[in-house]
Structure formats: C-alpha cells, structure tokens
PDB file of N, CA and C in Angstrom:
ATOM      1  N   MET A   1     -45.319-155.986  58.179  1.00  0.00           N
ATOM      2  CA  MET A   1     -44.720-155.478  58.889  1.00  0.00           C
ATOM      3  C   MET A   1     -44.264-154.865  59.931  1.00  0.00           C
ATOM      4  N   ASN A   2     -43.279-155.334  60.496  1.00  0.00           N
ATOM      5  CA  ASN A   2     -42.865-155.275  61.974  1.00  0.00           C
ATOM      6  C   ASN A   2     -41.630-153.915  62.348  1.00  0.00           C
ATOM      7  N   ALA A   3     -41.946-153.073  61.502  1.00  0.00           N
ATOM      8  CA  ALA A   3     -40.657-151.666  61.624  1.00  0.00           C
ATOM      9  C   ALA A   3     -40.301-151.758  63.075  1.00  0.00           C
ATOM     10  N   PRO A   4     -39.477-150.807  63.727  1.00  0.00           N
ATOM     11  CA  PRO A   4     -39.404-150.718  64.460  1.00  0.00           C
ATOM     12  C   PRO A   4     -39.935-149.476  65.238  1.00  0.00           C
ATOM     13  N   PRO A   5     -40.007-149.371  66.666  1.00  0.00           N
ATOM     14  CA  PRO A   5     -41.099-148.228  66.997  1.00  0.00           C
ATOM     15  C   PRO A   5     -40.488-147.184  66.486  1.00  0.00           C
ATOM     16  N   VAL A   6     -39.555-146.914  66.684  1.00  0.00           N
ATOM     17  CA  VAL A   6     -38.452-145.346  66.132  1.00  0.00           C
ATOM     18  C   VAL A   6     -39.166-145.078  65.210  1.00  0.00           C
ATOM     19  N   ASP A   7     -38.966-145.808  63.825  1.00  0.00           N
ATOM     20  CA  ASP A   7     -39.155-146.162  63.110  1.00  0.00           C
ATOM     21  C   ASP A   7     -40.436-145.512  62.612  1.00  0.00           C
ATOM     22  N   LEU A   8     -41.520-146.213  63.139  1.00  0.00           N
ATOM     23  CA  LEU A   8     -42.839-145.546  63.025  1.00  0.00           C
ATOM     24  C   LEU A   8     -43.358-144.567  63.447  1.00  0.00           C
ATOM     25  N   VAL A   9     -42.776-144.297  64.891  1.00  0.00           N
ATOM     26  CA  VAL A   9     -43.156-143.054  65.220  1.00  0.00           C
ATOM     27  C   VAL A   9     -42.324-141.818  63.897  1.00  0.00           C
ATOM     28  N   ARG A  10     -41.094-141.918  63.602  1.00  0.00           N
ATOM     29  CA  ARG A  10     -40.536-140.919  62.927  1.00  0.00           C
ATOM     30  C   ARG A  10     -42.000-140.963  61.467  1.00  0.00           C
ATOM     31  N   ARG A  11     -42.132-141.771  60.926  1.00  0.00           N
ATOM     32  CA  ARG A  11     -43.191-141.944  59.984  1.00  0.00           C
ATOM     33  C   ARG A  11     -44.429-141.597  59.771  1.00  0.00           C
ATOM     34  N   ALA A  12     -45.062-141.804  61.198  1.00  0.00           N
ATOM     35  CA  ALA A  12     -46.493-141.156  61.976  1.00  0.00           C
ATOM     36  C   ALA A  12     -46.731-139.599  62.207  1.00  0.00           C
ATOM     37  N   ARG A  13     -45.119-139.290  62.265  1.00  0.00           N
ATOM     38  CA  ARG A  13     -45.072-137.766  62.472  1.00  0.00           C
ATOM     39  C   ARG A  13     -44.822-136.937  60.809  1.00  0.00           C
ATOM     40  N   ALA A  14     -44.653-137.245  59.867  1.00  0.00           N
ATOM     41  CA  ALA A  14     -44.923-137.363  58.612  1.00  0.00           C
ATOM     42  C   ALA A  14     -46.084-137.710  58.035  1.00  0.00           C
ATOM     43  N   GLY A  15     -46.977-137.793  58.743  1.00  0.00           N
ATOM     44  CA  GLY A  15     -48.645-137.781  57.659  1.00  0.00           C
ATOM     45  C   GLY A  15     -48.406-139.211  57.242  1.00  0.00           C
ATOM     46  N   ASP A  16     -47.793-140.430  57.470  1.00  0.00           N
ATOM     47  CA  ASP A  16     -47.690-141.573  56.996  1.00  0.00           C
ATOM     48  C   ASP A  16     -49.020-142.211  58.190  1.00  0.00           C
ATOM     49  N   ALA A  17     -50.263-142.468  57.280  1.00  0.00           N
ATOM     50  CA  ALA A  17     -51.239-142.785  57.625  1.00  0.00           C
ATOM     51  C   ALA A  17     -50.999-144.988  57.848  1.00  0.00           C
ATOM     52  N   SER A  18     -50.925-145.434  57.374  1.00  0.00           N
ATOM     53  CA  SER A  18     -50.074-146.725  57.559  1.00  0.00           C
ATOM     54  C   SER A  18     -49.410-146.476  59.047  1.00  0.00           C
ATOM     55  N   ALA A  19     -48.170-145.757  59.340  1.00  0.00           N
ATOM     56  CA  ALA A  19     -47.604-145.911  60.345  1.00  0.00           C
ATOM     57  C   ALA A  19     -48.128-145.497  61.486  1.00  0.00           C
ATOM     58  N   GLN A  20     -49.261-144.393  61.797  1.00  0.00           N
ATOM     59  CA  GLN A  20     -50.627-143.987  62.797  1.00  0.00           C
ATOM     60  C   GLN A  20     -51.411-145.308  62.838  1.00  0.00           C
ATOM     61  N   THR A  21     -51.569-146.506  62.085  1.00  0.00           N
ATOM     62  CA  THR A  21     -52.234-147.356  61.942  1.00  0.00           C
ATOM     63  C   THR A  21     -51.670-147.971  62.667  1.00  0.00           C
ATOM     64  N   GLU A  22     -50.493-148.528  62.595  1.00  0.00           N
ATOM     65  CA  GLU A  22     -49.761-149.411  63.322  1.00  0.00           C
ATOM     66  C   GLU A  22     -49.224-148.942  64.283  1.00  0.00           C
ATOM     67  N   LEU A  23     -48.861-147.847  64.648  1.00  0.00           N
ATOM     68  CA  LEU A  23     -48.982-147.576  66.403  1.00  0.00           C
ATOM     69  C   LEU A  23     -50.387-147.525  67.198  1.00  0.00           C
ATOM     70  N   VAL A  24     -51.512-147.279  67.008  1.00  0.00           N
ATOM     71  CA  VAL A  24     -52.485-147.392  67.194  1.00  0.00           C
ATOM     72  C   VAL A  24     -52.786-149.210  67.239  1.00  0.00           C
ATOM     73  N   ALA A  25     -52.111-149.869  66.525  1.00  0.00           N
ATOM     74  CA  ALA A  25     -52.535-151.715  67.061  1.00  0.00           C
ATOM     75  C   ALA A  25     -51.356-152.167  67.753  1.00  0.00           C
ATOM     76  N   ARG A  26     -50.733-151.462  67.933  1.00  0.00           N
ATOM     77  CA  ARG A  26     -49.209-152.129  68.603  1.00  0.00           C
ATOM     78  C   ARG A  26     -49.457-151.734  69.973  1.00  0.00           C
ATOM     79  N   TYR A  27     -50.372-150.248  70.653  1.00  0.00           N
ATOM     80  CA  TYR A  27     -50.519-149.712  71.386  1.00  0.00           C
ATOM     81  C   TYR A  27     -51.897-150.130  72.371  1.00  0.00           C
ATOM     82  N   SER A  28     -53.121-150.492  71.506  1.00  0.00           N
ATOM     83  CA  SER A  28     -54.445-150.153  71.932  1.00  0.00           C
ATOM     84  C   SER A  28     -54.621-151.088  73.120  1.00  0.00           C
ATOM     85  N   ARG A  29     -53.992-152.337  73.320  1.00  0.00           N
ATOM     86  CA  ARG A  29     -54.150-153.413  74.158  1.00  0.00           C
ATOM     87  C   ARG A  29     -53.372-152.958  75.354  1.00  0.00           C
ATOM     88  N   ARG A  30     -52.435-152.266  75.104  1.00  0.00           N
ATOM     89  CA  ARG A  30     -51.572-152.500  76.912  1.00  0.00           C
ATOM     90  C   ARG A  30     -51.840-150.839  77.448  1.00  0.00           C
ATOM     91  N   ILE A  31     -52.596-150.242  76.440  1.00  0.00           N
ATOM     92  CA  ILE A  31     -53.344-148.947  76.742  1.00  0.00           C
ATOM     93  C   ILE A  31     -54.908-149.065  77.792  1.00  0.00           C
ATOM     94  N   THR A  32     -55.279-149.895  77.012  1.00  0.00           N
ATOM     95  CA  THR A  32     -56.490-149.801  77.270  1.00  0.00           C
ATOM     96  C   THR A  32     -55.970-150.782  78.853  1.00  0.00           C
ATOM     97  N   GLY A  33     -55.274-151.436  78.657  1.00  0.00           N
ATOM     98  CA  GLY A  33     -55.186-152.436  80.554  1.00  0.00           C
ATOM     99  C   GLY A  33     -55.032-151.014  81.440  1.00  0.00           C
ATOM    100  N   TYR A  34     -53.629-150.222  80.936  1.00  0.00           N
ATOM    101  CA  TYR A  34     -53.124-149.681  81.900  1.00  0.00           C
ATOM    102  C   TYR A  34     -54.723-148.390  82.264  1.00  0.00           C
ATOM    103  N   LEU A  35     -55.466-148.201  81.614  1.00  0.00           N
ATOM    104  CA  LEU A  35     -56.232-147.283  81.366  1.00  0.00           C
ATOM    105  C   LEU A  35     -57.579-148.085  82.228  1.00  0.00           C
ATOM    106  N   ARG A  36     -57.774-149.348  82.427  1.00  0.00           N
ATOM    107  CA  ARG A  36     -58.272-150.052  83.129  1.00  0.00           C
ATOM    108  C   ARG A  36     -57.748-150.658  84.300  1.00  0.00           C
ATOM    109  N   SER A  37     -56.778-150.376  84.589  1.00  0.00           N
ATOM    110  CA  SER A  37     -55.987-150.585  86.098  1.00  0.00           C
ATOM    111  C   SER A  37     -56.183-149.174  86.806  1.00  0.00           C
ATOM    112  N   LEU A  38     -56.211-148.146  85.942  1.00  0.00           N
ATOM    113  CA  LEU A  38     -56.494-146.516  86.554  1.00  0.00           C
ATOM    114  C   LEU A  38     -57.981-146.084  86.525  1.00  0.00           C
ATOM    115  N   CYS A  39     -58.714-146.915  85.869  1.00  0.00           N
ATOM    116  CA  CYS A  39     -60.277-146.237  86.050  1.00  0.00           C
ATOM    117  C   CYS A  39     -61.155-146.906  86.850  1.00  0.00           C
ATOM    118  N   ARG A  40     -62.019-147.046  87.606  1.00  0.00           N
ATOM    119  CA  ARG A  40     -63.195-147.669  88.175  1.00  0.00           C
ATOM    120  C   ARG A  40     -64.129-147.418  87.363  1.00  0.00           C
ATOM    121  N   ARG A  41     -64.577-146.469  86.247  1.00  0.00           N
ATOM    122  CA  ARG A  41     -65.434-147.285  85.471  1.00  0.00           C
ATOM    123  C   ARG A  41     -64.992-147.607  84.324  1.00  0.00           C
ATOM    124  N   GLU A  42     -65.153-149.126  84.273  1.00  0.00           N
ATOM    125  CA  GLU A  42     -65.281-150.021  82.940  1.00  0.00           C
ATOM    126  C   GLU A  42     -65.905-149.222  81.743  1.00  0.00           C
ATOM    127  N   GLU A  43     -67.176-148.769  81.760  1.00  0.00           N
ATOM    128  CA  GLU A  43     -67.283-148.181  80.216  1.00  0.00           C
ATOM    129  C   GLU A  43     -66.886-147.296  79.886  1.00  0.00           C
ATOM    130  N   ALA A  44     -65.769-146.570  80.843  1.00  0.00           N
ATOM    131  CA  ALA A  44     -65.179-145.502  80.383  1.00  0.00           C
ATOM    132  C   ALA A  44     -63.793-145.518  79.916  1.00  0.00           C
ATOM    133  N   VAL A  45     -63.370-146.783  79.894  1.00  0.00           N
ATOM    134  CA  VAL A  45     -61.863-147.231  79.516  1.00  0.00           C
ATOM    135  C   VAL A  45     -61.949-146.963  77.777  1.00  0.00           C
ATOM    136  N   ASP A  46     -62.700-147.686  77.347  1.00  0.00           N
ATOM    137  CA  ASP A  46     -62.389-147.600  75.751  1.00  0.00           C
ATOM    138  C   ASP A  46     -62.180-145.944  75.348  1.00  0.00           C
ATOM    139  N   ASP A  47     -63.934-145.755  75.795  1.00  0.00           N
ATOM    140  CA  ASP A  47     -63.457-143.730  75.587  1.00  0.00           C
ATOM    141  C   ASP A  47     -62.332-142.958  75.909  1.00  0.00           C
ATOM    142  N   LEU A  48     -61.286-143.613  77.084  1.00  0.00           N
ATOM    143  CA  LEU A  48     -60.583-142.984  77.406  1.00  0.00           C
ATOM    144  C   LEU A  48     -59.129-143.117  76.326  1.00  0.00           C
ATOM    145  N   THR A  49     -58.889-144.542  76.040  1.00  0.00           N
ATOM    146  CA  THR A  49     -58.031-145.243  75.313  1.00  0.00           C
ATOM    147  C   THR A  49     -58.080-144.975  73.748  1.00  0.00           C
ATOM    148  N   GLN A  50     -59.581-144.276  73.014  1.00  0.00           N
ATOM    149  CA  GLN A  50     -59.175-143.573  72.354  1.00  0.00           C
ATOM    150  C   GLN A  50     -58.942-141.778  72.461  1.00  0.00           C
ATOM    151  N   LEU A  51     -59.573-141.443  73.408  1.00  0.00           N
ATOM    152  CA  LEU A  51     -59.403-139.547  73.342  1.00  0.00           C
ATOM    153  C   LEU A  51     -57.512-140.160  73.186  1.00  0.00           C
ATOM    154  N   THR A  52     -56.804-141.037  74.293  1.00  0.00           N
ATOM    155  CA  THR A  52     -54.941-141.017  74.108  1.00  0.00           C
ATOM    156  C   THR A  52     -54.548-141.366  72.934  1.00  0.00           C
ATOM    157  N   PHE A  53     -55.221-141.977  71.995  1.00  0.00           N
ATOM    158  CA  PHE A  53     -54.554-141.873  71.101  1.00  0.00           C
ATOM    159  C   PHE A  53     -54.997-140.759  70.001  1.00  0.00           C
ATOM    160  N   ILE A  54     -55.987-140.217  70.594  1.00  0.00           N
ATOM    161  CA  ILE A  54     -56.663-138.567  69.414  1.00  0.00           C
ATOM    162  C   ILE A  54     -54.678-137.704  70.106  1.00  0.00           C
ATOM    163  N   LYS A  55     -54.990-137.625  71.199  1.00  0.00           N
ATOM    164  CA  LYS A  55     -54.073-136.617  72.153  1.00  0.00           C
ATOM    165  C   LYS A  55     -52.775-136.975  71.369  1.00  0.00           C
ATOM    166  N   MET A  56     -52.480-138.257  71.203  1.00  0.00           N
ATOM    167  CA  MET A  56     -50.920-138.517  70.775  1.00  0.00           C
ATOM    168  C   MET A  56     -51.217-137.902  69.062  1.00  0.00           C
ATOM    169  N   PHE A  57     -51.870-138.752  68.445  1.00  0.00           N
ATOM    170  CA  PHE A  57     -51.896-137.777  66.822  1.00  0.00           C
ATOM    171  C   PHE A  57     -51.698-135.737  66.668  1.00  0.00           C
ATOM    172  N   ARG A  58     -52.162-135.788  68.191  1.00  0.00           N
ATOM    173  CA  ARG A  58     -52.187-134.003  67.813  1.00  0.00           C
ATOM    174  C   ARG A  58     -50.875-133.866  68.528  1.00  0.00           C
ATOM    175  N   ARG A  59     -50.536-134.652  69.236  1.00  0.00           N
ATOM    176  CA  ARG A  59     -49.137-133.842  69.847  1.00  0.00           C
ATOM    177  C   ARG A  59     -47.747-135.032  69.660  1.00  0.00           C
ATOM    178  N   LEU A  60     -47.673-135.568  68.495  1.00  0.00           N
ATOM    179  CA  LEU A  60     -46.584-136.290  67.947  1.00  0.00           C
ATOM    180  C   LEU A  60     -46.050-135.418  67.460  1.00  0.00           C
ATOM    181  N   ARG A  61     -46.235-134.264  66.887  1.00  0.00           N
ATOM    182  CA  ARG A  61     -45.375-133.642  65.974  1.00  0.00           C
ATOM    183  C   ARG A  61     -44.273-132.645  67.234  1.00  0.00           C
ATOM    184  N   TRP A  62     -44.220-132.752  68.747  1.00  0.00           N
ATOM    185  CA  TRP A  62     -43.918-132.226  69.874  1.00  0.00           C
ATOM    186  C   TRP A  62     -42.799-132.857  70.124  1.00  0.00           C
ATOM    187  N   LEU A  63     -42.897-134.833  69.820  1.00  0.00           N
ATOM    188  CA  LEU A  63     -42.197-135.442  70.397  1.00  0.00           C
ATOM    189  C   LEU A  63     -41.109-135.293  70.178  1.00  0.00           C
ATOM    190  N   ARG A  64     -39.900-134.401  70.790  1.00  0.00           N
ATOM    191  CA  ARG A  64     -38.869-134.457  70.180  1.00  0.00           C
ATOM    192  C   ARG A  64     -37.626-135.309  69.992  1.00  0.00           C
ATOM    193  N   ASP A  65     -37.647-136.652  71.148  1.00  0.00           N
ATOM    194  CA  ASP A  65     -36.919-138.154  70.708  1.00  0.00           C
ATOM    195  C   ASP A  65     -37.962-138.919  70.687  1.00  0.00           C
ATOM    196  N   PRO A  66     -38.036-139.875  69.566  1.00  0.00           N
ATOM    197  CA  PRO A  66     -38.789-141.024  69.216  1.00  0.00           C
ATOM    198  C   PRO A  66     -38.508-141.808  69.741  1.00  0.00           C
ATOM    199  N   ALA A  67     -37.470-142.126  70.169  1.00  0.00           N
ATOM    200  CA  ALA A  67     -36.811-143.226  71.282  1.00  0.00           C
ATOM    201  C   ALA A  67     -37.857-143.373  72.547  1.00  0.00           C
ATOM    202  N   VAL A  68     -38.030-142.215  72.938  1.00  0.00           N
ATOM    203  CA  VAL A  68     -38.726-142.087  74.044  1.00  0.00           C
ATOM    204  C   VAL A  68     -40.407-142.319  73.970  1.00  0.00           C
ATOM    205  N   PHE A  69     -40.807-142.982  72.987  1.00  0.00           N
ATOM    206  CA  PHE A  69     -42.209-142.847  72.898  1.00  0.00           C
ATOM    207  C   PHE A  69     -43.457-143.293  73.618  1.00  0.00           C
ATOM    208  N   GLU A  70     -42.562-144.791  73.801  1.00  0.00           N
ATOM    209  CA  GLU A  70     -44.080-145.551  74.447  1.00  0.00           C
ATOM    210  C   GLU A  70     -44.077-145.134  75.931  1.00  0.00           C
ATOM    211  N   PRO A  71     -42.762-144.170  77.270  1.00  0.00           N
ATOM    212  CA  PRO A  71     -43.049-143.679  78.305  1.00  0.00           C
ATOM    213  C   PRO A  71     -43.954-142.238  77.772  1.00  0.00           C
ATOM    214  N   TRP A  72     -43.642-141.911  76.953  1.00  0.00           N
ATOM    215  CA  TRP A  72     -44.436-140.915  76.780  1.00  0.00           C
ATOM    216  C   TRP A  72     -46.281-140.546  76.138  1.00  0.00           C
ATOM    217  N   LEU A  73     -46.163-141.920  75.461  1.00  0.00           N
ATOM    218  CA  LEU A  73     -47.723-142.384  75.437  1.00  0.00           C
ATOM    219  C   LEU A  73     -48.442-142.924  76.291  1.00  0.00           C
ATOM    220  N   PHE A  74     -47.344-143.315  77.460  1.00  0.00           N
ATOM    221  CA  PHE A  74     -48.421-143.580  78.563  1.00  0.00           C
ATOM    222  C   PHE A  74     -48.563-142.718  79.650  1.00  0.00           C
ATOM    223  N   ARG A  75     -47.729-141.401  79.885  1.00  0.00           N
ATOM    224  CA  ARG A  75     -47.891-140.295  80.268  1.00  0.00           C
ATOM    225  C   ARG A  75     -49.004-139.706  79.534  1.00  0.00           C
ATOM    226  N   ILE A  76     -48.786-140.064  78.362  1.00  0.00           N
ATOM    227  CA  ILE A  76     -50.545-139.007  77.889  1.00  0.00           C
ATOM    228  C   ILE A  76     -52.079-140.026  78.285  1.00  0.00           C
ATOM    229  N   ALA A  77     -51.759-141.066  78.709  1.00  0.00           N
ATOM    230  CA  ALA A  77     -52.921-142.242  78.703  1.00  0.00           C
ATOM    231  C   ALA A  77     -52.738-141.564  80.375  1.00  0.00           C
ATOM    232  N   ARG A  78     -51.893-141.818  81.212  1.00  0.00           N
ATOM    233  CA  ARG A  78     -52.162-141.147  82.842  1.00  0.00           C
ATOM    234  C   ARG A  78     -53.134-139.822  83.308  1.00  0.00           C
ATOM    235  N   ASN A  79     -51.970-138.933  81.768  1.00  0.00           N
ATOM    236  CA  ASN A  79     -52.609-137.128  82.494  1.00  0.00           C
ATOM    237  C   ASN A  79     -54.032-137.329  82.008  1.00  0.00           C
TER     238      ASN A  79
END
C-alpha cells in the first residue's frame, strides 16, 4: 500500500499500528542518513534514529497539520 504521507500521519495519530510501521519504514533510511551527517559518532546513529521515532510517536498527537510532518520529523531528529 502506498498511501500519501498525510493519510498515514492521520491514521498513525489515531493509533493505527500499520500506519506507524509504514511511517518508520518510509523515513528511517532518510533520518539515519541525516543523523549520520550531523553526528560524529557512527555508533550512535542507530540509537539516535530510534530515539527520533520514539519521540515522533509520543508527540504525534500535537502535530496540528499532517502536511508538515516531514519537516517536523527532521526537526525532531536535529534537536
């Protein structure tokens, strides 16, 4: 299934586990690459990626506009 990101975000916010899994699958490679460019310790990148997605799940309910999900997610990774 290739749902638009906005639909996935809405479903994930509603507690749909398959939508949450799909968001992680779609963005984990890019988030990992982004964090690799920011972090000097290669061994920490996987942990930081996981932490990014944990924070995403905890904060998803506060994302007002699902259309800005991607920059919001990368801001979480950066911070």
